[in-house]
Every structure is written in C-alpha cells, then in structure tokens.
C-alpha cells in the first residue's frame, strides 16, 4: 500500500479521535502528514479534514454561542491569518519545516506554563486580544492554535456549554476563512483535496473511537503522552 494512503489514514484517525475525545493532538498530526507531503502543502491536505470535523462539532454545539466574545476575538485572528499568509508565500519548504518545529516546541511550552502558573495576565484586554492575532498566525502556519484559543476563551468566564459551543464555532469560522488564502498560495487545489479524501475513512473511525472511549481516557496521562510524542516529532523536523 502507498505510504501516502497509510499516513493520511493515520492522520485522519488521530484528527477524528482528538476532535471527539480529549483534544490536544493537533501538534502531532501535521508532522505525521509531512512524512508523505513535506512542506507547506501538508497544511492544505489537513484543512478539509478540520472543516469536516468542525461541521460535525458546530452541528452538535449550535446553541449558547457567545457571539459577542467571537466578535472581539475573530478580527484579530483574521489579521493573524492574513499576516501568516504573506509569510508562507515567502519561505521555502526547508524554512517551513524549521519554523514548524519551533512552533510545536513553543506550543508545548505554553501548555506547560498554563499547567503550573496562573493566567492573570490574560485579564488585561491587550494581552487577551493579542491571543487572537497570535492564534491566527499559529493556525495558518501549523493548524495548532487550540491552546491559544482555549486560553482566551477560558478567561471569558463562560459556562461549560457556552465555552464548548463558542470554541467549536471559532475553529469553524477561522478554518473557512483560511480556505481562500491557501488557494491563493497554490497550496489548496482540486488535487490536494483528492489527496485529503484518503484520510476520511480514518477520520470517521477515529471520531467514533474518540466518542466512545472519552470517559475511559485519563486526560492528564494522555496529555503528557501527546506532549512527548509532539516533542519527538518536533525534534525529527529539526533533523529532517
């Protein structure tokens, strides 16, 4: 079997499992796809998968959305996407790989910081909304802005249902906005979308597995497993 088919099935499996269970596996998926599709083109391979899972999520969580929070957060995220698109247009595959490795390590470090330090700095409006801009850059460059978006939304003191719904819609809207940028950069095309389809069976299977094993997963142990695996993936990128 072609390595691309195997890699994309695995990427779909992890994406579906992550979306419908404990999350936090976005840092791992892109390096896996880059085994078969090295360079920024891997971003466009993943985007249709994220939009599919986003549609599932917004359909499931379509009530109690804090639109006022999204209205403050999303414009800066869109600006970050715009800035990152210009950056992507001016780097080569080797530079992208190195940048991605740095970004993965930075996101792991942020997660560790949030585990052990209070986030009182987020109570300042400038710091809070800058997360939107940074998140836009990270999601455009690495599809791994989950920790940043969550950090912002958690500080808005939303109830659990509103938090989950608002987060789902934030990801959906931003991923849709990324579509024309990837197309204009020549990363997303009919051919790349056809390649993405190889991941759909894994996506469906992973979603069902994630949904049914969610209550059996130890979130803390799982989070550390993902961090270790993501760190290994980042190191491999530096040695690419």
C-alpha atoms as a PDB file:
ATOM      1  CA  UNK A   1       0.000   0.000   0.000  1.00  0.00           C
ATOM      2  CA  UNK A   2       1.251   3.504  -0.863  1.00  0.00           C
ATOM      3  CA  UNK A   3       2.835   5.347   2.091  1.00  0.00           C
ATOM      4  CA  UNK A   4       0.621   8.387   1.406  1.00  0.00           C
ATOM      5  CA  UNK A   5      -2.543   6.342   1.925  1.00  0.00           C
ATOM      6  CA  UNK A   6      -1.246   4.901   5.208  1.00  0.00           C
ATOM      7  CA  UNK A   7      -0.049   8.258   6.529  1.00  0.00           C
ATOM      8  CA  UNK A   8      -3.278  10.059   5.669  1.00  0.00           C
ATOM      9  CA  UNK A   9      -5.430   7.299   7.157  1.00  0.00           C
ATOM     10  CA  UNK A  10      -3.421   7.631  10.384  1.00  0.00           C
ATOM     11  CA  UNK A  11      -3.727  11.443  10.279  1.00  0.00           C
ATOM     12  CA  UNK A  12      -7.498  11.148   9.826  1.00  0.00           C
ATOM     13  CA  UNK A  13      -7.716   8.617  12.655  1.00  0.00           C
ATOM     14  CA  UNK A  14      -5.861  10.929  15.062  1.00  0.00           C
ATOM     15  CA  UNK A  15      -7.815  14.013  13.955  1.00  0.00           C
ATOM     16  CA  UNK A  16     -11.175  12.335  14.464  1.00  0.00           C
ATOM     17  CA  UNK A  17     -10.154  10.841  17.787  1.00  0.00           C
ATOM     18  CA  UNK A  18      -8.814  14.165  19.040  1.00  0.00           C
ATOM     19  CA  UNK A  19     -11.865  16.173  17.986  1.00  0.00           C
ATOM     20  CA  UNK A  20     -14.305  13.881  19.747  1.00  0.00           C
ATOM     21  CA  UNK A  21     -12.290  12.985  22.839  1.00  0.00           C
ATOM     22  CA  UNK A  22      -9.714  14.902  24.871  1.00  0.00           C
ATOM     23  CA  UNK A  23      -8.287  17.047  22.080  1.00  0.00           C
ATOM     24  CA  UNK A  24      -4.775  18.464  22.010  1.00  0.00           C
ATOM     25  CA  UNK A  25      -3.412  16.284  19.213  1.00  0.00           C
ATOM     26  CA  UNK A  26      -3.178  18.985  16.554  1.00  0.00           C
ATOM     27  CA  UNK A  27       0.541  19.396  17.235  1.00  0.00           C
ATOM     28  CA  UNK A  28       1.120  15.784  16.248  1.00  0.00           C
ATOM     29  CA  UNK A  29      -0.971  15.492  13.080  1.00  0.00           C
ATOM     30  CA  UNK A  30       0.888  17.902  10.797  1.00  0.00           C
ATOM     31  CA  UNK A  31       4.336  16.285  11.284  1.00  0.00           C
ATOM     32  CA  UNK A  32       2.746  12.919  10.502  1.00  0.00           C
ATOM     33  CA  UNK A  33       1.267  14.199   7.232  1.00  0.00           C
ATOM     34  CA  UNK A  34       4.636  15.711   6.349  1.00  0.00           C
ATOM     35  CA  UNK A  35       6.098  12.206   6.187  1.00  0.00           C
ATOM     36  CA  UNK A  36       4.211  11.861   2.902  1.00  0.00           C
ATOM     37  CA  UNK A  37       3.785  15.531   1.939  1.00  0.00           C
ATOM     38  CA  UNK A  38       6.820  17.529   3.119  1.00  0.00           C
ATOM     39  CA  UNK A  39       6.446  21.304   3.140  1.00  0.00           C
ATOM     40  CA  UNK A  40       3.551  23.765   3.455  1.00  0.00           C
ATOM     41  CA  UNK A  41       1.381  21.664   1.127  1.00  0.00           C
ATOM     42  CA  UNK A  42       0.644  19.462   4.132  1.00  0.00           C
ATOM     43  CA  UNK A  43      -1.388  22.322   5.638  1.00  0.00           C
ATOM     44  CA  UNK A  44      -3.796  22.244   2.715  1.00  0.00           C
ATOM     45  CA  UNK A  45      -4.123  18.461   2.935  1.00  0.00           C
ATOM     46  CA  UNK A  46      -5.342  18.792   6.532  1.00  0.00           C
ATOM     47  CA  UNK A  47      -7.648  21.791   6.181  1.00  0.00           C
ATOM     48  CA  UNK A  48     -10.596  19.908   4.580  1.00  0.00           C
ATOM     49  CA  UNK A  49     -10.395  17.334   7.393  1.00  0.00           C
ATOM     50  CA  UNK A  50     -10.567  20.040  10.044  1.00  0.00           C
ATOM     51  CA  UNK A  51     -13.527  21.665   8.318  1.00  0.00           C
ATOM     52  CA  UNK A  52     -15.370  18.325   8.182  1.00  0.00           C
ATOM     53  CA  UNK A  53     -14.866  17.794  11.926  1.00  0.00           C
ATOM     54  CA  UNK A  54     -15.730  21.447  12.566  1.00  0.00           C
ATOM     55  CA  UNK A  55     -19.062  20.978  10.784  1.00  0.00           C
ATOM     56  CA  UNK A  56     -19.750  17.946  12.981  1.00  0.00           C
ATOM     57  CA  UNK A  57     -18.880  19.996  16.053  1.00  0.00           C
ATOM     58  CA  UNK A  58     -20.951  23.096  15.223  1.00  0.00           C
ATOM     59  CA  UNK A  59     -23.905  20.878  14.374  1.00  0.00           C
ATOM     60  CA  UNK A  60     -23.572  19.241  17.787  1.00  0.00           C
ATOM     61  CA  UNK A  61     -22.975  22.530  19.642  1.00  0.00           C
ATOM     62  CA  UNK A  62     -25.254  25.036  17.921  1.00  0.00           C
ATOM     63  CA  UNK A  63     -26.739  26.735  20.973  1.00  0.00           C
ATOM     64  CA  UNK A  64     -25.448  29.132  23.635  1.00  0.00           C
ATOM     65  CA  UNK A  65     -22.753  30.682  21.452  1.00  0.00           C
ATOM     66  CA  UNK A  66     -21.097  33.815  22.866  1.00  0.00           C
ATOM     67  CA  UNK A  67     -21.161  35.835  19.650  1.00  0.00           C
ATOM     68  CA  UNK A  68     -20.016  38.970  21.471  1.00  0.00           C
ATOM     69  CA  UNK A  69     -16.828  37.167  22.518  1.00  0.00           C
ATOM     70  CA  UNK A  70     -16.211  35.940  18.978  1.00  0.00           C
ATOM     71  CA  UNK A  71     -16.804  39.461  17.623  1.00  0.00           C
ATOM     72  CA  UNK A  72     -13.926  40.754  19.750  1.00  0.00           C
ATOM     73  CA  UNK A  73     -11.590  37.824  19.164  1.00  0.00           C
ATOM     74  CA  UNK A  74     -12.031  36.892  15.494  1.00  0.00           C
ATOM     75  CA  UNK A  75     -10.998  40.162  13.762  1.00  0.00           C
ATOM     76  CA  UNK A  76      -7.513  39.920  15.274  1.00  0.00           C
ATOM     77  CA  UNK A  77      -7.374  36.212  14.398  1.00  0.00           C
ATOM     78  CA  UNK A  78      -8.230  37.101  10.793  1.00  0.00           C
ATOM     79  CA  UNK A  79      -5.416  39.650  10.813  1.00  0.00           C
ATOM     80  CA  UNK A  80      -3.034  36.938  12.055  1.00  0.00           C
ATOM     81  CA  UNK A  81      -4.141  34.635   9.219  1.00  0.00           C
ATOM     82  CA  UNK A  82      -3.500  37.437   6.708  1.00  0.00           C
ATOM     83  CA  UNK A  83      -0.004  38.170   8.062  1.00  0.00           C
ATOM     84  CA  UNK A  84       0.892  34.464   8.169  1.00  0.00           C
ATOM     85  CA  UNK A  85      -0.253  34.003   4.557  1.00  0.00           C
ATOM     86  CA  UNK A  86       2.329  36.554   3.443  1.00  0.00           C
ATOM     87  CA  UNK A  87       4.963  34.766   5.492  1.00  0.00           C
ATOM     88  CA  UNK A  88       4.073  31.425   3.893  1.00  0.00           C
ATOM     89  CA  UNK A  89       4.348  32.988   0.445  1.00  0.00           C
ATOM     90  CA  UNK A  90       7.964  33.959   1.098  1.00  0.00           C
ATOM     91  CA  UNK A  91       9.516  30.878   2.675  1.00  0.00           C
ATOM     92  CA  UNK A  92      10.702  27.627   1.149  1.00  0.00           C
ATOM     93  CA  UNK A  93       9.951  24.082   2.312  1.00  0.00           C
ATOM     94  CA  UNK A  94      13.116  23.807   4.413  1.00  0.00           C
ATOM     95  CA  UNK A  95      12.406  27.068   6.249  1.00  0.00           C
ATOM     96  CA  UNK A  96       8.818  25.975   6.828  1.00  0.00           C
ATOM     97  CA  UNK A  97       9.924  22.710   8.415  1.00  0.00           C
ATOM     98  CA  UNK A  98      12.283  24.524  10.807  1.00  0.00           C
ATOM     99  CA  UNK A  99       9.642  27.118  11.680  1.00  0.00           C
ATOM    100  CA  UNK A 100       7.091  24.392  12.362  1.00  0.00           C
ATOM    101  CA  UNK A 101       9.489  22.640  14.736  1.00  0.00           C
ATOM    102  CA  UNK A 102       9.971  25.874  16.698  1.00  0.00           C
ATOM    103  CA  UNK A 103       6.215  26.477  16.783  1.00  0.00           C
ATOM    104  CA  UNK A 104       5.470  22.993  18.126  1.00  0.00           C
ATOM    105  CA  UNK A 105       8.015  23.425  20.926  1.00  0.00           C
ATOM    106  CA  UNK A 106       6.533  26.856  21.727  1.00  0.00           C
ATOM    107  CA  UNK A 107       3.001  25.444  21.968  1.00  0.00           C
ATOM    108  CA  UNK A 108       4.198  22.635  24.253  1.00  0.00           C
ATOM    109  CA  UNK A 109       5.960  25.205  26.446  1.00  0.00           C
ATOM    110  CA  UNK A 110       2.769  27.287  26.595  1.00  0.00           C
ATOM    111  CA  UNK A 111       0.798  24.231  27.697  1.00  0.00           C
ATOM    112  CA  UNK A 112       3.303  23.506  30.456  1.00  0.00           C
ATOM    113  CA  UNK A 113       3.211  27.131  31.615  1.00  0.00           C
ATOM    114  CA  UNK A 114      -0.575  27.098  31.808  1.00  0.00           C
ATOM    115  CA  UNK A 115      -0.468  23.908  33.884  1.00  0.00           C
ATOM    116  CA  UNK A 116       1.674  25.413  36.615  1.00  0.00           C
ATOM    117  CA  UNK A 117       1.166  29.202  36.516  1.00  0.00           C
ATOM    118  CA  UNK A 118      -1.938  31.380  36.853  1.00  0.00           C
ATOM    119  CA  UNK A 119      -3.172  33.210  33.762  1.00  0.00           C
ATOM    120  CA  UNK A 120      -3.935  36.518  35.454  1.00  0.00           C
ATOM    121  CA  UNK A 121      -2.087  38.339  32.656  1.00  0.00           C
ATOM    122  CA  UNK A 122      -4.990  37.403  30.404  1.00  0.00           C
ATOM    123  CA  UNK A 123      -7.279  39.679  32.404  1.00  0.00           C
ATOM    124  CA  UNK A 124      -5.667  42.647  30.653  1.00  0.00           C
ATOM    125  CA  UNK A 125      -7.564  43.396  27.424  1.00  0.00           C
ATOM    126  CA  UNK A 126      -4.427  43.992  25.337  1.00  0.00           C
ATOM    127  CA  UNK A 127      -2.903  40.667  26.366  1.00  0.00           C
ATOM    128  CA  UNK A 128      -6.187  38.822  25.913  1.00  0.00           C
ATOM    129  CA  UNK A 129      -6.937  40.053  22.432  1.00  0.00           C
ATOM    130  CA  UNK A 130      -3.345  39.670  21.267  1.00  0.00           C
ATOM    131  CA  UNK A 131      -4.063  35.957  21.633  1.00  0.00           C
ATOM    132  CA  UNK A 132      -6.401  36.316  18.683  1.00  0.00           C
ATOM    133  CA  UNK A 133      -3.632  37.683  16.476  1.00  0.00           C
ATOM    134  CA  UNK A 134      -1.085  35.087  17.617  1.00  0.00           C
ATOM    135  CA  UNK A 135      -3.661  32.332  17.271  1.00  0.00           C
ATOM    136  CA  UNK A 136      -4.392  33.394  13.698  1.00  0.00           C
ATOM    137  CA  UNK A 137      -0.707  33.122  12.827  1.00  0.00           C
ATOM    138  CA  UNK A 138      -0.301  29.726  14.501  1.00  0.00           C
ATOM    139  CA  UNK A 139      -3.413  28.212  12.941  1.00  0.00           C
ATOM    140  CA  UNK A 140      -2.391  29.405   9.468  1.00  0.00           C
ATOM    141  CA  UNK A 141       1.183  28.130   9.820  1.00  0.00           C
ATOM    142  CA  UNK A 142       0.661  24.933  11.811  1.00  0.00           C
ATOM    143  CA  UNK A 143      -3.046  24.189  12.385  1.00  0.00           C
ATOM    144  CA  UNK A 144      -2.195  24.055  16.093  1.00  0.00           C
ATOM    145  CA  UNK A 145      -3.753  27.107  17.751  1.00  0.00           C
ATOM    146  CA  UNK A 146      -6.009  25.120  20.078  1.00  0.00           C
ATOM    147  CA  UNK A 147      -4.108  26.032  23.299  1.00  0.00           C
ATOM    148  CA  UNK A 148      -4.147  29.738  22.414  1.00  0.00           C
ATOM    149  CA  UNK A 149      -7.841  29.870  21.551  1.00  0.00           C
ATOM    150  CA  UNK A 150      -8.706  27.888  24.667  1.00  0.00           C
ATOM    151  CA  UNK A 151      -6.600  30.221  26.819  1.00  0.00           C
ATOM    152  CA  UNK A 152      -8.551  33.241  25.592  1.00  0.00           C
ATOM    153  CA  UNK A 153     -11.983  31.629  25.872  1.00  0.00           C
ATOM    154  CA  UNK A 154     -11.376  30.205  29.351  1.00  0.00           C
ATOM    155  CA  UNK A 155     -10.632  33.723  30.635  1.00  0.00           C
ATOM    156  CA  UNK A 156     -14.035  34.919  29.414  1.00  0.00           C
ATOM    157  CA  UNK A 157     -15.633  33.037  32.332  1.00  0.00           C
ATOM    158  CA  UNK A 158     -18.164  31.248  30.133  1.00  0.00           C
ATOM    159  CA  UNK A 159     -20.213  28.347  31.407  1.00  0.00           C
ATOM    160  CA  UNK A 160     -19.173  24.924  30.094  1.00  0.00           C
ATOM    161  CA  UNK A 161     -21.808  24.629  27.358  1.00  0.00           C
ATOM    162  CA  UNK A 162     -21.195  28.163  26.090  1.00  0.00           C
ATOM    163  CA  UNK A 163     -17.435  27.616  26.142  1.00  0.00           C
ATOM    164  CA  UNK A 164     -17.656  24.404  24.090  1.00  0.00           C
ATOM    165  CA  UNK A 165     -20.103  25.917  21.575  1.00  0.00           C
ATOM    166  CA  UNK A 166     -18.141  29.153  21.180  1.00  0.00           C
ATOM    167  CA  UNK A 167     -14.854  27.270  20.764  1.00  0.00           C
ATOM    168  CA  UNK A 168     -16.354  24.998  18.102  1.00  0.00           C
ATOM    169  CA  UNK A 169     -17.672  27.953  16.112  1.00  0.00           C
ATOM    170  CA  UNK A 170     -14.384  29.859  16.455  1.00  0.00           C
ATOM    171  CA  UNK A 171     -12.464  26.978  14.857  1.00  0.00           C
ATOM    172  CA  UNK A 172     -15.068  26.525  12.121  1.00  0.00           C
ATOM    173  CA  UNK A 173     -15.145  30.204  11.124  1.00  0.00           C
ATOM    174  CA  UNK A 174     -11.362  30.603  11.141  1.00  0.00           C
ATOM    175  CA  UNK A 175     -10.762  27.427   9.134  1.00  0.00           C
ATOM    176  CA  UNK A 176     -13.275  28.557   6.497  1.00  0.00           C
ATOM    177  CA  UNK A 177     -11.541  31.956   6.328  1.00  0.00           C
ATOM    178  CA  UNK A 178      -8.227  30.170   5.710  1.00  0.00           C
ATOM    179  CA  UNK A 179      -9.554  28.496   2.555  1.00  0.00           C
ATOM    180  CA  UNK A 180      -9.106  31.393   0.090  1.00  0.00           C
ATOM    181  CA  UNK A 181      -5.625  32.131   1.454  1.00  0.00           C
ATOM    182  CA  UNK A 182      -4.467  28.553   0.910  1.00  0.00           C
ATOM    183  CA  UNK A 183      -5.977  28.628  -2.587  1.00  0.00           C
ATOM    184  CA  UNK A 184      -4.250  31.909  -3.465  1.00  0.00           C
ATOM    185  CA  UNK A 185      -0.937  30.495  -2.223  1.00  0.00           C
ATOM    186  CA  UNK A 186      -1.351  27.500  -4.514  1.00  0.00           C
ATOM    187  CA  UNK A 187      -1.425  25.087  -1.584  1.00  0.00           C
ATOM    188  CA  UNK A 188      -5.098  24.073  -1.810  1.00  0.00           C
ATOM    189  CA  UNK A 189      -6.286  22.677  -5.122  1.00  0.00           C
ATOM    190  CA  UNK A 190      -8.535  20.023  -6.577  1.00  0.00           C
ATOM    191  CA  UNK A 191      -5.616  17.585  -6.482  1.00  0.00           C
ATOM    192  CA  UNK A 192      -4.775  18.313  -2.824  1.00  0.00           C
ATOM    193  CA  UNK A 193      -8.443  17.885  -1.915  1.00  0.00           C
ATOM    194  CA  UNK A 194      -8.494  14.499  -3.648  1.00  0.00           C
ATOM    195  CA  UNK A 195      -5.453  13.530  -1.595  1.00  0.00           C
ATOM    196  CA  UNK A 196      -7.279  14.627   1.572  1.00  0.00           C
ATOM    197  CA  UNK A 197     -10.017  12.097   0.814  1.00  0.00           C
ATOM    198  CA  UNK A 198      -7.633   9.265   1.710  1.00  0.00           C
ATOM    199  CA  UNK A 199      -7.910  10.445   5.326  1.00  0.00           C
ATOM    200  CA  UNK A 200     -11.720  10.390   5.505  1.00  0.00           C
ATOM    201  CA  UNK A 201     -12.104   6.688   6.472  1.00  0.00           C
ATOM    202  CA  UNK A 202      -9.642   7.198   9.321  1.00  0.00           C
ATOM    203  CA  UNK A 203     -11.454  10.385  10.294  1.00  0.00           C
ATOM    204  CA  UNK A 204     -14.779   8.576  10.638  1.00  0.00           C
ATOM    205  CA  UNK A 205     -13.290   5.655  12.565  1.00  0.00           C
ATOM    206  CA  UNK A 206     -11.305   7.969  14.835  1.00  0.00           C
ATOM    207  CA  UNK A 207     -14.399  10.048  15.590  1.00  0.00           C
ATOM    208  CA  UNK A 208     -16.359   7.005  16.727  1.00  0.00           C
ATOM    209  CA  UNK A 209     -13.441   5.698  18.802  1.00  0.00           C
ATOM    210  CA  UNK A 210     -12.914   9.092  20.423  1.00  0.00           C
ATOM    211  CA  UNK A 211     -16.599   9.475  21.237  1.00  0.00           C
ATOM    212  CA  UNK A 212     -16.913   6.079  22.900  1.00  0.00           C
ATOM    213  CA  UNK A 213     -13.610   5.981  24.805  1.00  0.00           C
ATOM    214  CA  UNK A 214     -13.729   9.569  26.075  1.00  0.00           C
ATOM    215  CA  UNK A 215     -14.876   8.557  29.562  1.00  0.00           C
ATOM    216  CA  UNK A 216     -12.184   5.875  29.818  1.00  0.00           C
ATOM    217  CA  UNK A 217      -9.225   8.137  28.994  1.00  0.00           C
ATOM    218  CA  UNK A 218      -7.101   9.620  31.767  1.00  0.00           C
ATOM    219  CA  UNK A 219      -6.778  13.232  30.480  1.00  0.00           C
ATOM    220  CA  UNK A 220      -3.585  14.015  32.398  1.00  0.00           C
ATOM    221  CA  UNK A 221      -1.702  10.912  31.298  1.00  0.00           C
ATOM    222  CA  UNK A 222      -2.974  11.325  27.751  1.00  0.00           C
ATOM    223  CA  UNK A 223      -1.888  14.973  27.638  1.00  0.00           C
ATOM    224  CA  UNK A 224       1.650  14.046  28.679  1.00  0.00           C
ATOM    225  CA  UNK A 225       1.773  11.256  26.093  1.00  0.00           C
ATOM    226  CA  UNK A 226       0.836  13.737  23.358  1.00  0.00           C
ATOM    227  CA  UNK A 227       3.423  16.232  24.585  1.00  0.00           C
ATOM    228  CA  UNK A 228       6.169  13.604  24.477  1.00  0.00           C
ATOM    229  CA  UNK A 229       5.148  12.416  21.018  1.00  0.00           C
ATOM    230  CA  UNK A 230       4.867  16.013  19.733  1.00  0.00           C
ATOM    231  CA  UNK A 231       8.332  16.834  21.096  1.00  0.00           C
ATOM    232  CA  UNK A 232       9.769  13.807  19.288  1.00  0.00           C
ATOM    233  CA  UNK A 233       8.011  14.964  16.100  1.00  0.00           C
ATOM    234  CA  UNK A 234       9.457  18.477  16.505  1.00  0.00           C
ATOM    235  CA  UNK A 235      12.978  17.115  17.006  1.00  0.00           C
ATOM    236  CA  UNK A 236      12.572  14.976  13.894  1.00  0.00           C
ATOM    237  CA  UNK A 237      11.622  18.114  11.950  1.00  0.00           C
ATOM    238  CA  UNK A 238      14.874  19.792  13.003  1.00  0.00           C
ATOM    239  CA  UNK A 239      16.767  16.711  11.816  1.00  0.00           C
ATOM    240  CA  UNK A 240      14.709  16.430   8.620  1.00  0.00           C
END
